[in-house]
Amino acid sequence: MIIHLIKTKKDYQAAMNRLEVIFDSKPGSAEGDELEILGMLIGKYEDEHYPIDLPDPVEAIKFRMEQLGYTQSDLANVVGLKSRASEILNKKRKLTLEMIRNLHTKLKIPTDVLIQNY
């Protein structure tokens, strides 16, 4: 199969169909190379036509807290006071620069997620 740029939905669907056929190809084989290139082209098309927005900062904090088994008291240790943690989780208080730094350092939440408006 000749690989070409994905410019239309029809091209995209054809690429996805081909991807299914060669999905289990061995790395280093001709089909394996085709799979790798096709994956890059599909990724580029999806990034341009189906972008995924960053998550809401508060939802990201809640999600990370759940992953770590953190309580509101644990969050209070990161942002200062328990009342402050409650206000943040209820979207009644904006994050300060210091809070963003602490959340990034201690909870490993990317700063580009935390600096968004909510």
PDB file of N, CA and C in Angstrom:
ATOM      1  N   MET A   1       0.848  -1.192   0.000  1.00  0.00           N
ATOM      2  CA  MET A   1       0.000   0.000   0.000  1.00  0.00           C
ATOM      3  C   MET A   1       0.883   1.242   0.000  1.00  0.00           C
ATOM      4  N   ILE A   2       0.492   2.222  -0.767  1.00  0.00           N
ATOM      5  CA  ILE A   2       1.210   3.496  -0.804  1.00  0.00           C
ATOM      6  C   ILE A   2       0.628   4.391   0.286  1.00  0.00           C
ATOM      7  N   ILE A   3       1.499   4.926   1.113  1.00  0.00           N
ATOM      8  CA  ILE A   3       1.065   5.805   2.195  1.00  0.00           C
ATOM      9  C   ILE A   3       1.026   7.234   1.670  1.00  0.00           C
ATOM     10  N   HIS A   4      -0.058   7.940   1.994  1.00  0.00           N
ATOM     11  CA  HIS A   4      -0.164   9.351   1.609  1.00  0.00           C
ATOM     12  C   HIS A   4      -0.747  10.141   2.770  1.00  0.00           C
ATOM     13  N   LEU A   5      -0.661  11.447   2.684  1.00  0.00           N
ATOM     14  CA  LEU A   5      -1.171  12.309   3.740  1.00  0.00           C
ATOM     15  C   LEU A   5      -2.663  12.088   3.949  1.00  0.00           C
ATOM     16  N   ILE A   6      -3.101  12.291   5.170  1.00  0.00           N
ATOM     17  CA  ILE A   6      -4.518  12.166   5.504  1.00  0.00           C
ATOM     18  C   ILE A   6      -5.097  13.574   5.503  1.00  0.00           C
ATOM     19  N   LYS A   7      -5.920  13.856   4.490  1.00  0.00           N
ATOM     20  CA  LYS A   7      -6.463  15.205   4.320  1.00  0.00           C
ATOM     21  C   LYS A   7      -7.966  15.279   4.535  1.00  0.00           C
ATOM     22  N   THR A   8      -8.653  14.165   4.389  1.00  0.00           N
ATOM     23  CA  THR A   8     -10.119  14.167   4.484  1.00  0.00           C
ATOM     24  C   THR A   8     -10.585  13.071   5.437  1.00  0.00           C
ATOM     25  N   LYS A   9     -11.869  13.129   5.781  1.00  0.00           N
ATOM     26  CA  LYS A   9     -12.438  12.073   6.620  1.00  0.00           C
ATOM     27  C   LYS A   9     -12.355  10.718   5.926  1.00  0.00           C
ATOM     28  N   LYS A  10     -12.511  10.741   4.600  1.00  0.00           N
ATOM     29  CA  LYS A  10     -12.415   9.501   3.824  1.00  0.00           C
ATOM     30  C   LYS A  10     -10.998   8.926   3.926  1.00  0.00           C
ATOM     31  N   ASP A  11      -9.982   9.791   3.794  1.00  0.00           N
ATOM     32  CA  ASP A  11      -8.582   9.361   3.951  1.00  0.00           C
ATOM     33  C   ASP A  11      -8.360   8.794   5.354  1.00  0.00           C
ATOM     34  N   TYR A  12      -8.923   9.488   6.332  1.00  0.00           N
ATOM     35  CA  TYR A  12      -8.772   9.075   7.731  1.00  0.00           C
ATOM     36  C   TYR A  12      -9.379   7.696   7.952  1.00  0.00           C
ATOM     37  N   GLN A  13     -10.572   7.490   7.441  1.00  0.00           N
ATOM     38  CA  GLN A  13     -11.238   6.197   7.623  1.00  0.00           C
ATOM     39  C   GLN A  13     -10.458   5.084   6.929  1.00  0.00           C
ATOM     40  N   ALA A  14      -9.942   5.366   5.735  1.00  0.00           N
ATOM     41  CA  ALA A  14      -9.135   4.372   5.010  1.00  0.00           C
ATOM     42  C   ALA A  14      -7.873   4.031   5.806  1.00  0.00           C
ATOM     43  N   ALA A  15      -7.253   5.046   6.396  1.00  0.00           N
ATOM     44  CA  ALA A  15      -6.051   4.828   7.201  1.00  0.00           C
ATOM     45  C   ALA A  15      -6.371   3.993   8.438  1.00  0.00           C
ATOM     46  N   MET A  16      -7.496   4.279   9.082  1.00  0.00           N
ATOM     47  CA  MET A  16      -7.904   3.513  10.265  1.00  0.00           C
ATOM     48  C   MET A  16      -8.179   2.051   9.888  1.00  0.00           C
ATOM     49  N   ASN A  17      -8.815   1.842   8.748  1.00  0.00           N
ATOM     50  CA  ASN A  17      -9.077   0.475   8.287  1.00  0.00           C
ATOM     51  C   ASN A  17      -7.772  -0.271   8.029  1.00  0.00           C
ATOM     52  N   ARG A  18      -6.822   0.391   7.382  1.00  0.00           N
ATOM     53  CA  ARG A  18      -5.524  -0.232   7.107  1.00  0.00           C
ATOM     54  C   ARG A  18      -4.784  -0.509   8.413  1.00  0.00           C
ATOM     55  N   LEU A  19      -4.887   0.403   9.357  1.00  0.00           N
ATOM     56  CA  LEU A  19      -4.238   0.234  10.655  1.00  0.00           C
ATOM     57  C   LEU A  19      -4.725  -1.046  11.327  1.00  0.00           C
ATOM     58  N   GLU A  20      -6.021  -1.299  11.252  1.00  0.00           N
ATOM     59  CA  GLU A  20      -6.581  -2.523  11.836  1.00  0.00           C
ATOM     60  C   GLU A  20      -5.968  -3.762  11.202  1.00  0.00           C
ATOM     61  N   VAL A  21      -5.769  -3.732   9.896  1.00  0.00           N
ATOM     62  CA  VAL A  21      -5.239  -4.890   9.174  1.00  0.00           C
ATOM     63  C   VAL A  21      -3.788  -5.184   9.581  1.00  0.00           C
ATOM     64  N   ILE A  22      -2.978  -4.139   9.742  1.00  0.00           N
ATOM     65  CA  ILE A  22      -1.542  -4.334  10.003  1.00  0.00           C
ATOM     66  C   ILE A  22      -1.160  -4.123  11.466  1.00  0.00           C
ATOM     67  N   PHE A  23      -2.131  -4.032  12.347  1.00  0.00           N
ATOM     68  CA  PHE A  23      -1.892  -3.667  13.751  1.00  0.00           C
ATOM     69  C   PHE A  23      -0.873  -4.569  14.449  1.00  0.00           C
ATOM     70  N   ASP A  24      -0.874  -5.857  14.169  1.00  0.00           N
ATOM     71  CA  ASP A  24       0.024  -6.794  14.851  1.00  0.00           C
ATOM     72  C   ASP A  24       1.305  -7.078  14.070  1.00  0.00           C
ATOM     73  N   SER A  25       1.660  -6.196  13.159  1.00  0.00           N
ATOM     74  CA  SER A  25       2.865  -6.390  12.350  1.00  0.00           C
ATOM     75  C   SER A  25       4.116  -6.361  13.221  1.00  0.00           C
ATOM     76  N   LYS A  26       5.114  -7.100  12.792  1.00  0.00           N
ATOM     77  CA  LYS A  26       6.379  -7.167  13.529  1.00  0.00           C
ATOM     78  C   LYS A  26       7.203  -5.908  13.276  1.00  0.00           C
ATOM     79  N   PRO A  27       7.775  -5.322  14.341  1.00  0.00           N
ATOM     80  CA  PRO A  27       8.642  -4.158  14.175  1.00  0.00           C
ATOM     81  C   PRO A  27       9.808  -4.503  13.244  1.00  0.00           C
ATOM     82  N   GLY A  28      10.146  -3.558  12.379  1.00  0.00           N
ATOM     83  CA  GLY A  28      11.252  -3.758  11.458  1.00  0.00           C
ATOM     84  C   GLY A  28      10.846  -4.373  10.128  1.00  0.00           C
ATOM     85  N   SER A  29       9.647  -4.950  10.070  1.00  0.00           N
ATOM     86  CA  SER A  29       9.160  -5.502   8.801  1.00  0.00           C
ATOM     87  C   SER A  29       8.587  -4.356   7.968  1.00  0.00           C
ATOM     88  N   ALA A  30       8.317  -4.618   6.697  1.00  0.00           N
ATOM     89  CA  ALA A  30       7.732  -3.590   5.829  1.00  0.00           C
ATOM     90  C   ALA A  30       6.397  -3.115   6.391  1.00  0.00           C
ATOM     91  N   GLU A  31       5.556  -4.067   6.827  1.00  0.00           N
ATOM     92  CA  GLU A  31       4.262  -3.681   7.410  1.00  0.00           C
ATOM     93  C   GLU A  31       4.447  -3.003   8.757  1.00  0.00           C
ATOM     94  N   GLY A  32       5.467  -3.394   9.509  1.00  0.00           N
ATOM     95  CA  GLY A  32       5.763  -2.741  10.785  1.00  0.00           C
ATOM     96  C   GLY A  32       6.137  -1.284  10.583  1.00  0.00           C
ATOM     97  N   ASP A  33       6.942  -1.020   9.552  1.00  0.00           N
ATOM     98  CA  ASP A  33       7.309   0.358   9.225  1.00  0.00           C
ATOM     99  C   ASP A  33       6.082   1.145   8.768  1.00  0.00           C
ATOM    100  N   GLU A  34       5.255   0.498   7.953  1.00  0.00           N
ATOM    101  CA  GLU A  34       4.017   1.138   7.489  1.00  0.00           C
ATOM    102  C   GLU A  34       3.124   1.484   8.677  1.00  0.00           C
ATOM    103  N   LEU A  35       3.030   0.558   9.629  1.00  0.00           N
ATOM    104  CA  LEU A  35       2.219   0.785  10.831  1.00  0.00           C
ATOM    105  C   LEU A  35       2.706   2.008  11.601  1.00  0.00           C
ATOM    106  N   GLU A  36       4.016   2.127  11.754  1.00  0.00           N
ATOM    107  CA  GLU A  36       4.585   3.253  12.489  1.00  0.00           C
ATOM    108  C   GLU A  36       4.303   4.581  11.788  1.00  0.00           C
ATOM    109  N   ILE A  37       4.505   4.618  10.481  1.00  0.00           N
ATOM    110  CA  ILE A  37       4.255   5.847   9.721  1.00  0.00           C
ATOM    111  C   ILE A  37       2.769   6.189   9.717  1.00  0.00           C
ATOM    112  N   LEU A  38       1.938   5.180   9.510  1.00  0.00           N
ATOM    113  CA  LEU A  38       0.491   5.395   9.504  1.00  0.00           C
ATOM    114  C   LEU A  38       0.018   5.928  10.857  1.00  0.00           C
ATOM    115  N   GLY A  39       0.582   5.401  11.926  1.00  0.00           N
ATOM    116  CA  GLY A  39       0.239   5.884  13.268  1.00  0.00           C
ATOM    117  C   GLY A  39       0.560   7.361  13.444  1.00  0.00           C
ATOM    118  N   MET A  40       1.699   7.784  12.915  1.00  0.00           N
ATOM    119  CA  MET A  40       2.078   9.198  13.004  1.00  0.00           C
ATOM    120  C   MET A  40       1.125  10.075  12.197  1.00  0.00           C
ATOM    121  N   LEU A  41       0.785   9.622  11.002  1.00  0.00           N
ATOM    122  CA  LEU A  41      -0.133  10.399  10.161  1.00  0.00           C
ATOM    123  C   LEU A  41      -1.525  10.490  10.786  1.00  0.00           C
ATOM    124  N   ILE A  42      -2.004   9.393  11.338  1.00  0.00           N
ATOM    125  CA  ILE A  42      -3.310   9.396  12.009  1.00  0.00           C
ATOM    126  C   ILE A  42      -3.272  10.324  13.215  1.00  0.00           C
ATOM    127  N   GLY A  43      -2.193  10.259  13.983  1.00  0.00           N
ATOM    128  CA  GLY A  43      -2.051  11.128  15.154  1.00  0.00           C
ATOM    129  C   GLY A  43      -2.072  12.600  14.773  1.00  0.00           C
ATOM    130  N   LYS A  44      -1.372  12.943  13.708  1.00  0.00           N
ATOM    131  CA  LYS A  44      -1.350  14.336  13.235  1.00  0.00           C
ATOM    132  C   LYS A  44      -2.748  14.784  12.823  1.00  0.00           C
ATOM    133  N   TYR A  45      -3.449  13.955  12.079  1.00  0.00           N
ATOM    134  CA  TYR A  45      -4.807  14.294  11.643  1.00  0.00           C
ATOM    135  C   TYR A  45      -5.731  14.468  12.856  1.00  0.00           C
ATOM    136  N   GLU A  46      -5.651  13.553  13.810  1.00  0.00           N
ATOM    137  CA  GLU A  46      -6.513  13.639  14.999  1.00  0.00           C
ATOM    138  C   GLU A  46      -6.195  14.869  15.835  1.00  0.00           C
ATOM    139  N   ASP A  47      -4.913  15.213  15.962  1.00  0.00           N
ATOM    140  CA  ASP A  47      -4.535  16.412  16.717  1.00  0.00           C
ATOM    141  C   ASP A  47      -5.129  17.671  16.096  1.00  0.00           C
ATOM    142  N   GLU A  48      -5.165  17.708  14.761  1.00  0.00           N
ATOM    143  CA  GLU A  48      -5.681  18.881  14.060  1.00  0.00           C
ATOM    144  C   GLU A  48      -7.216  18.930  14.041  1.00  0.00           C
ATOM    145  N   HIS A  49      -7.857  17.778  13.920  1.00  0.00           N
ATOM    146  CA  HIS A  49      -9.306  17.751  13.737  1.00  0.00           C
ATOM    147  C   HIS A  49     -10.106  17.358  14.975  1.00  0.00           C
ATOM    148  N   TYR A  50      -9.473  16.716  15.937  1.00  0.00           N
ATOM    149  CA  TYR A  50     -10.157  16.279  17.154  1.00  0.00           C
ATOM    150  C   TYR A  50      -9.318  16.607  18.380  1.00  0.00           C
ATOM    151  N   PRO A  51      -8.981  17.902  18.570  1.00  0.00           N
ATOM    152  CA  PRO A  51      -8.120  18.247  19.702  1.00  0.00           C
ATOM    153  C   PRO A  51      -8.793  17.952  21.048  1.00  0.00           C
ATOM    154  N   ILE A  52      -7.973  17.594  22.005  1.00  0.00           N
ATOM    155  CA  ILE A  52      -8.472  17.316  23.348  1.00  0.00           C
ATOM    156  C   ILE A  52      -8.037  18.464  24.245  1.00  0.00           C
ATOM    157  N   ASP A  53      -9.021  19.105  24.875  1.00  0.00           N
ATOM    158  CA  ASP A  53      -8.718  20.208  25.775  1.00  0.00           C
ATOM    159  C   ASP A  53      -8.109  19.692  27.070  1.00  0.00           C
ATOM    160  N   LEU A  54      -7.370  20.574  27.725  1.00  0.00           N
ATOM    161  CA  LEU A  54      -6.817  20.233  29.034  1.00  0.00           C
ATOM    162  C   LEU A  54      -7.962  20.088  30.034  1.00  0.00           C
ATOM    163  N   PRO A  55      -7.794  19.258  31.044  1.00  0.00           N
ATOM    164  CA  PRO A  55      -8.857  19.109  32.040  1.00  0.00           C
ATOM    165  C   PRO A  55      -9.000  20.354  32.901  1.00  0.00           C
ATOM    166  N   ASP A  56     -10.161  20.519  33.480  1.00  0.00           N
ATOM    167  CA  ASP A  56     -10.426  21.589  34.425  1.00  0.00           C
ATOM    168  C   ASP A  56      -9.448  21.434  35.601  1.00  0.00           C
ATOM    169  N   PRO A  57      -8.840  22.535  36.075  1.00  0.00           N
ATOM    170  CA  PRO A  57      -7.862  22.441  37.165  1.00  0.00           C
ATOM    171  C   PRO A  57      -8.407  21.759  38.423  1.00  0.00           C
ATOM    172  N   VAL A  58      -9.611  22.114  38.828  1.00  0.00           N
ATOM    173  CA  VAL A  58     -10.178  21.528  40.047  1.00  0.00           C
ATOM    174  C   VAL A  58     -10.465  20.038  39.848  1.00  0.00           C
ATOM    175  N   GLU A  59     -10.969  19.684  38.664  1.00  0.00           N
ATOM    176  CA  GLU A  59     -11.220  18.266  38.383  1.00  0.00           C
ATOM    177  C   GLU A  59      -9.906  17.490  38.354  1.00  0.00           C
ATOM    178  N   ALA A  60      -8.833  18.112  37.855  1.00  0.00           N
ATOM    179  CA  ALA A  60      -7.519  17.469  37.846  1.00  0.00           C
ATOM    180  C   ALA A  60      -7.028  17.246  39.278  1.00  0.00           C
ATOM    181  N   ILE A  61      -7.246  18.220  40.137  1.00  0.00           N
ATOM    182  CA  ILE A  61      -6.852  18.087  41.552  1.00  0.00           C
ATOM    183  C   ILE A  61      -7.641  16.950  42.199  1.00  0.00           C
ATOM    184  N   LYS A  62      -8.961  16.938  41.979  1.00  0.00           N
ATOM    185  CA  LYS A  62      -9.798  15.872  42.557  1.00  0.00           C
ATOM    186  C   LYS A  62      -9.369  14.497  42.049  1.00  0.00           C
ATOM    187  N   PHE A  63      -9.096  14.404  40.757  1.00  0.00           N
ATOM    188  CA  PHE A  63      -8.677  13.136  40.170  1.00  0.00           C
ATOM    189  C   PHE A  63      -7.367  12.661  40.785  1.00  0.00           C
ATOM    190  N   ARG A  64      -6.409  13.577  40.908  1.00  0.00           N
ATOM    191  CA  ARG A  64      -5.109  13.208  41.477  1.00  0.00           C
ATOM    192  C   ARG A  64      -5.237  12.839  42.944  1.00  0.00           C
ATOM    193  N   MET A  65      -6.097  13.554  43.667  1.00  0.00           N
ATOM    194  CA  MET A  65      -6.334  13.214  45.074  1.00  0.00           C
ATOM    195  C   MET A  65      -6.879  11.788  45.179  1.00  0.00           C
ATOM    196  N   GLU A  66      -7.812  11.451  44.308  1.00  0.00           N
ATOM    197  CA  GLU A  66      -8.394  10.108  44.304  1.00  0.00           C
ATOM    198  C   GLU A  66      -7.323   9.060  44.005  1.00  0.00           C
ATOM    199  N   GLN A  67      -6.465   9.352  43.044  1.00  0.00           N
ATOM    200  CA  GLN A  67      -5.392   8.414  42.694  1.00  0.00           C
ATOM    201  C   GLN A  67      -4.466   8.159  43.880  1.00  0.00           C
ATOM    202  N   LEU A  68      -4.183   9.226  44.630  1.00  0.00           N
ATOM    203  CA  LEU A  68      -3.248   9.126  45.753  1.00  0.00           C
ATOM    204  C   LEU A  68      -3.916   8.731  47.062  1.00  0.00           C
ATOM    205  N   GLY A  69      -5.252   8.673  47.064  1.00  0.00           N
ATOM    206  CA  GLY A  69      -5.971   8.377  48.300  1.00  0.00           C
ATOM    207  C   GLY A  69      -5.942   9.550  49.277  1.00  0.00           C
ATOM    208  N   TYR A  70      -5.840  10.758  48.752  1.00  0.00           N
ATOM    209  CA  TYR A  70      -5.776  11.964  49.583  1.00  0.00           C
ATOM    210  C   TYR A  70      -7.169  12.382  50.041  1.00  0.00           C
ATOM    211  N   THR A  71      -7.215  12.941  51.229  1.00  0.00           N
ATOM    212  CA  THR A  71      -8.436  13.543  51.756  1.00  0.00           C
ATOM    213  C   THR A  71      -8.319  15.054  51.620  1.00  0.00           C
ATOM    214  N   GLN A  72      -9.381  15.742  51.999  1.00  0.00           N
ATOM    215  CA  GLN A  72      -9.345  17.200  51.979  1.00  0.00           C
ATOM    216  C   GLN A  72      -8.289  17.711  52.952  1.00  0.00           C
ATOM    217  N   SER A  73      -8.082  17.009  54.045  1.00  0.00           N
ATOM    218  CA  SER A  73      -7.036  17.392  55.004  1.00  0.00           C
ATOM    219  C   SER A  73      -5.649  17.279  54.389  1.00  0.00           C
ATOM    220  N   ASP A  74      -5.440  16.234  53.576  1.00  0.00           N
ATOM    221  CA  ASP A  74      -4.155  16.090  52.886  1.00  0.00           C
ATOM    222  C   ASP A  74      -3.937  17.244  51.910  1.00  0.00           C
ATOM    223  N   LEU A  75      -5.008  17.634  51.214  1.00  0.00           N
ATOM    224  CA  LEU A  75      -4.917  18.767  50.300  1.00  0.00           C
ATOM    225  C   LEU A  75      -4.624  20.049  51.073  1.00  0.00           C
ATOM    226  N   ALA A  76      -5.205  20.174  52.254  1.00  0.00           N
ATOM    227  CA  ALA A  76      -4.962  21.357  53.085  1.00  0.00           C
ATOM    228  C   ALA A  76      -3.482  21.493  53.410  1.00  0.00           C
ATOM    229  N   ASN A  77      -2.796  20.380  53.581  1.00  0.00           N
ATOM    230  CA  ASN A  77      -1.350  20.425  53.845  1.00  0.00           C
ATOM    231  C   ASN A  77      -0.572  20.955  52.644  1.00  0.00           C
ATOM    232  N   VAL A  78      -1.151  20.841  51.472  1.00  0.00           N
ATOM    233  CA  VAL A  78      -0.488  21.316  50.259  1.00  0.00           C
ATOM    234  C   VAL A  78      -0.805  22.787  49.997  1.00  0.00           C
ATOM    235  N   VAL A  79      -2.072  23.188  50.223  1.00  0.00           N
ATOM    236  CA  VAL A  79      -2.487  24.556  49.881  1.00  0.00           C
ATOM    237  C   VAL A  79      -2.592  25.506  51.072  1.00  0.00           C
ATOM    238  N   GLY A  80      -2.413  25.014  52.276  1.00  0.00           N
ATOM    239  CA  GLY A  80      -2.445  25.907  53.422  1.00  0.00           C
ATOM    240  C   GLY A  80      -3.432  25.490  54.482  1.00  0.00           C
ATOM    241  N   LEU A  81      -4.676  25.924  54.353  1.00  0.00           N
ATOM    242  CA  LEU A  81      -5.694  25.668  55.369  1.00  0.00           C
ATOM    243  C   LEU A  81      -6.771  24.720  54.846  1.00  0.00           C
ATOM    244  N   LYS A  82      -7.462  24.056  55.786  1.00  0.00           N
ATOM    245  CA  LYS A  82      -8.543  23.153  55.387  1.00  0.00           C
ATOM    246  C   LYS A  82      -9.680  23.929  54.720  1.00  0.00           C
ATOM    247  N   SER A  83      -9.971  25.120  55.234  1.00  0.00           N
ATOM    248  CA  SER A  83     -11.029  25.936  54.631  1.00  0.00           C
ATOM    249  C   SER A  83     -10.638  26.357  53.218  1.00  0.00           C
ATOM    250  N   ARG A  84      -9.360  26.616  52.996  1.00  0.00           N
ATOM    251  CA  ARG A  84      -8.873  26.988  51.671  1.00  0.00           C
ATOM    252  C   ARG A  84      -9.023  25.812  50.707  1.00  0.00           C
ATOM    253  N   ALA A  85      -8.704  24.615  51.175  1.00  0.00           N
ATOM    254  CA  ALA A  85      -8.853  23.412  50.345  1.00  0.00           C
ATOM    255  C   ALA A  85     -10.313  23.230  49.952  1.00  0.00           C
ATOM    256  N   SER A  86     -11.220  23.446  50.891  1.00  0.00           N
ATOM    257  CA  SER A  86     -12.654  23.324  50.621  1.00  0.00           C
ATOM    258  C   SER A  86     -13.095  24.346  49.581  1.00  0.00           C
ATOM    259  N   GLU A  87     -12.642  25.575  49.726  1.00  0.00           N
ATOM    260  CA  GLU A  87     -13.002  26.630  48.774  1.00  0.00           C
ATOM    261  C   GLU A  87     -12.486  26.311  47.366  1.00  0.00           C
ATOM    262  N   ILE A  88     -11.279  25.761  47.282  1.00  0.00           N
ATOM    263  CA  ILE A  88     -10.716  25.391  45.977  1.00  0.00           C
ATOM    264  C   ILE A  88     -11.544  24.284  45.349  1.00  0.00           C
ATOM    265  N   LEU A  89     -11.834  23.238  46.122  1.00  0.00           N
ATOM    266  CA  LEU A  89     -12.582  22.096  45.597  1.00  0.00           C
ATOM    267  C   LEU A  89     -14.004  22.471  45.188  1.00  0.00           C
ATOM    268  N   ASN A  90     -14.551  23.512  45.803  1.00  0.00           N
ATOM    269  CA  ASN A  90     -15.895  23.993  45.457  1.00  0.00           C
ATOM    270  C   ASN A  90     -15.858  25.161  44.472  1.00  0.00           C
ATOM    271  N   LYS A  91     -14.669  25.445  43.935  1.00  0.00           N
ATOM    272  CA  LYS A  91     -14.451  26.508  42.948  1.00  0.00           C
ATOM    273  C   LYS A  91     -14.856  27.886  43.451  1.00  0.00           C
ATOM    274  N   LYS A  92     -14.652  28.107  44.746  1.00  0.00           N
ATOM    275  CA  LYS A  92     -14.950  29.413  45.329  1.00  0.00           C
ATOM    276  C   LYS A  92     -13.678  30.227  45.548  1.00  0.00           C
ATOM    277  N   ARG A  93     -12.529  29.605  45.331  1.00  0.00           N
ATOM    278  CA  ARG A  93     -11.249  30.291  45.479  1.00  0.00           C
ATOM    279  C   ARG A  93     -10.350  29.904  44.312  1.00  0.00           C
ATOM    280  N   LYS A  94      -9.711  30.894  43.725  1.00  0.00           N
ATOM    281  CA  LYS A  94      -8.753  30.661  42.635  1.00  0.00           C
ATOM    282  C   LYS A  94      -7.424  30.207  43.224  1.00  0.00           C
ATOM    283  N   LEU A  95      -6.678  29.493  42.439  1.00  0.00           N
ATOM    284  CA  LEU A  95      -5.358  29.049  42.862  1.00  0.00           C
ATOM    285  C   LEU A  95      -4.359  30.191  42.770  1.00  0.00           C
ATOM    286  N   THR A  96      -3.542  30.333  43.784  1.00  0.00           N
ATOM    287  CA  THR A  96      -2.467  31.329  43.746  1.00  0.00           C
ATOM    288  C   THR A  96      -1.235  30.687  43.110  1.00  0.00           C
ATOM    289  N   LEU A  97      -0.265  31.494  42.777  1.00  0.00           N
ATOM    290  CA  LEU A  97       0.970  30.997  42.193  1.00  0.00           C
ATOM    291  C   LEU A  97       1.659  30.011  43.145  1.00  0.00           C
ATOM    292  N   GLU A  98       1.655  30.326  44.421  1.00  0.00           N
ATOM    293  CA  GLU A  98       2.275  29.434  45.412  1.00  0.00           C
ATOM    294  C   GLU A  98       1.537  28.093  45.474  1.00  0.00           C
ATOM    295  N   MET A  99       0.205  28.129  45.437  1.00  0.00           N
ATOM    296  CA  MET A  99      -0.574  26.894  45.450  1.00  0.00           C
ATOM    297  C   MET A  99      -0.269  26.056  44.210  1.00  0.00           C
ATOM    298  N   ILE A 100      -0.193  26.722  43.053  1.00  0.00           N
ATOM    299  CA  ILE A 100       0.109  26.015  41.801  1.00  0.00           C
ATOM    300  C   ILE A 100       1.473  25.340  41.906  1.00  0.00           C
ATOM    301  N   ARG A 101       2.446  26.051  42.434  1.00  0.00           N
ATOM    302  CA  ARG A 101       3.784  25.463  42.595  1.00  0.00           C
ATOM    303  C   ARG A 101       3.732  24.252  43.520  1.00  0.00           C
ATOM    304  N   ASN A 102       3.025  24.373  44.634  1.00  0.00           N
ATOM    305  CA  ASN A 102       2.930  23.266  45.584  1.00  0.00           C
ATOM    306  C   ASN A 102       2.181  22.071  45.001  1.00  0.00           C
ATOM    307  N   LEU A 103       1.090  22.329  44.304  1.00  0.00           N
ATOM    308  CA  LEU A 103       0.322  21.241  43.692  1.00  0.00           C
ATOM    309  C   LEU A 103       1.149  20.531  42.624  1.00  0.00           C
ATOM    310  N   HIS A 104       1.913  21.312  41.886  1.00  0.00           N
ATOM    311  CA  HIS A 104       2.774  20.723  40.860  1.00  0.00           C
ATOM    312  C   HIS A 104       3.874  19.874  41.503  1.00  0.00           C
ATOM    313  N   THR A 105       4.516  20.409  42.514  1.00  0.00           N
ATOM    314  CA  THR A 105       5.628  19.714  43.157  1.00  0.00           C
ATOM    315  C   THR A 105       5.167  18.499  43.956  1.00  0.00           C
ATOM    316  N   LYS A 106       4.120  18.669  44.746  1.00  0.00           N
ATOM    317  CA  LYS A 106       3.713  17.599  45.663  1.00  0.00           C
ATOM    318  C   LYS A 106       2.745  16.590  45.052  1.00  0.00           C
ATOM    319  N   LEU A 107       1.887  17.031  44.135  1.00  0.00           N
ATOM    320  CA  LEU A 107       0.915  16.116  43.533  1.00  0.00           C
ATOM    321  C   LEU A 107       1.265  15.767  42.092  1.00  0.00           C
ATOM    322  N   LYS A 108       2.309  16.415  41.558  1.00  0.00           N
ATOM    323  CA  LYS A 108       2.766  16.153  40.184  1.00  0.00           C
ATOM    324  C   LYS A 108       1.689  16.441  39.136  1.00  0.00           C
ATOM    325  N   ILE A 109       0.909  17.489  39.366  1.00  0.00           N
ATOM    326  CA  ILE A 109      -0.083  17.935  38.381  1.00  0.00           C
ATOM    327  C   ILE A 109       0.609  18.945  37.478  1.00  0.00           C
ATOM    328  N   PRO A 110       0.536  18.786  36.161  1.00  0.00           N
ATOM    329  CA  PRO A 110       1.218  19.718  35.264  1.00  0.00           C
ATOM    330  C   PRO A 110       0.748  21.160  35.463  1.00  0.00           C
ATOM    331  N   THR A 111       1.686  22.071  35.433  1.00  0.00           N
ATOM    332  CA  THR A 111       1.350  23.486  35.649  1.00  0.00           C
ATOM    333  C   THR A 111       0.423  24.027  34.572  1.00  0.00           C
ATOM    334  N   ASP A 112       0.554  23.538  33.318  1.00  0.00           N
ATOM    335  CA  ASP A 112      -0.323  24.053  32.265  1.00  0.00           C
ATOM    336  C   ASP A 112      -1.788  23.705  32.528  1.00  0.00           C
ATOM    337  N   VAL A 113      -2.040  22.672  33.295  1.00  0.00           N
ATOM    338  CA  VAL A 113      -3.409  22.332  33.693  1.00  0.00           C
ATOM    339  C   VAL A 113      -3.878  23.280  34.801  1.00  0.00           C
ATOM    340  N   LEU A 114      -2.996  23.533  35.758  1.00  0.00           N
ATOM    341  CA  LEU A 114      -3.360  24.308  36.949  1.00  0.00           C
ATOM    342  C   LEU A 114      -3.535  25.794  36.672  1.00  0.00           C
ATOM    343  N   ILE A 115      -2.872  26.360  35.661  1.00  0.00           N
ATOM    344  CA  ILE A 115      -2.937  27.807  35.447  1.00  0.00           C
ATOM    345  C   ILE A 115      -4.164  28.252  34.670  1.00  0.00           C
ATOM    346  N   GLN A 116      -4.973  27.315  34.195  1.00  0.00           N
ATOM    347  CA  GLN A 116      -6.173  27.688  33.422  1.00  0.00           C
ATOM    348  C   GLN A 116      -7.215  28.346  34.306  1.00  0.00           C
ATOM    349  N   ASN A 117      -8.048  29.149  33.686  1.00  0.00           N
ATOM    350  CA  ASN A 117      -9.187  29.739  34.392  1.00  0.00           C
ATOM    351  C   ASN A 117     -10.277  28.700  34.553  1.00  0.00           C
ATOM    352  N   TYR A 118     -11.021  28.849  35.632  1.00  0.00           N
ATOM    353  CA  TYR A 118     -12.171  27.968  35.852  1.00  0.00           C
ATOM    354  C   TYR A 118     -13.293  28.737  36.463  1.00  0.00           C
TER     355      TYR A 118
END
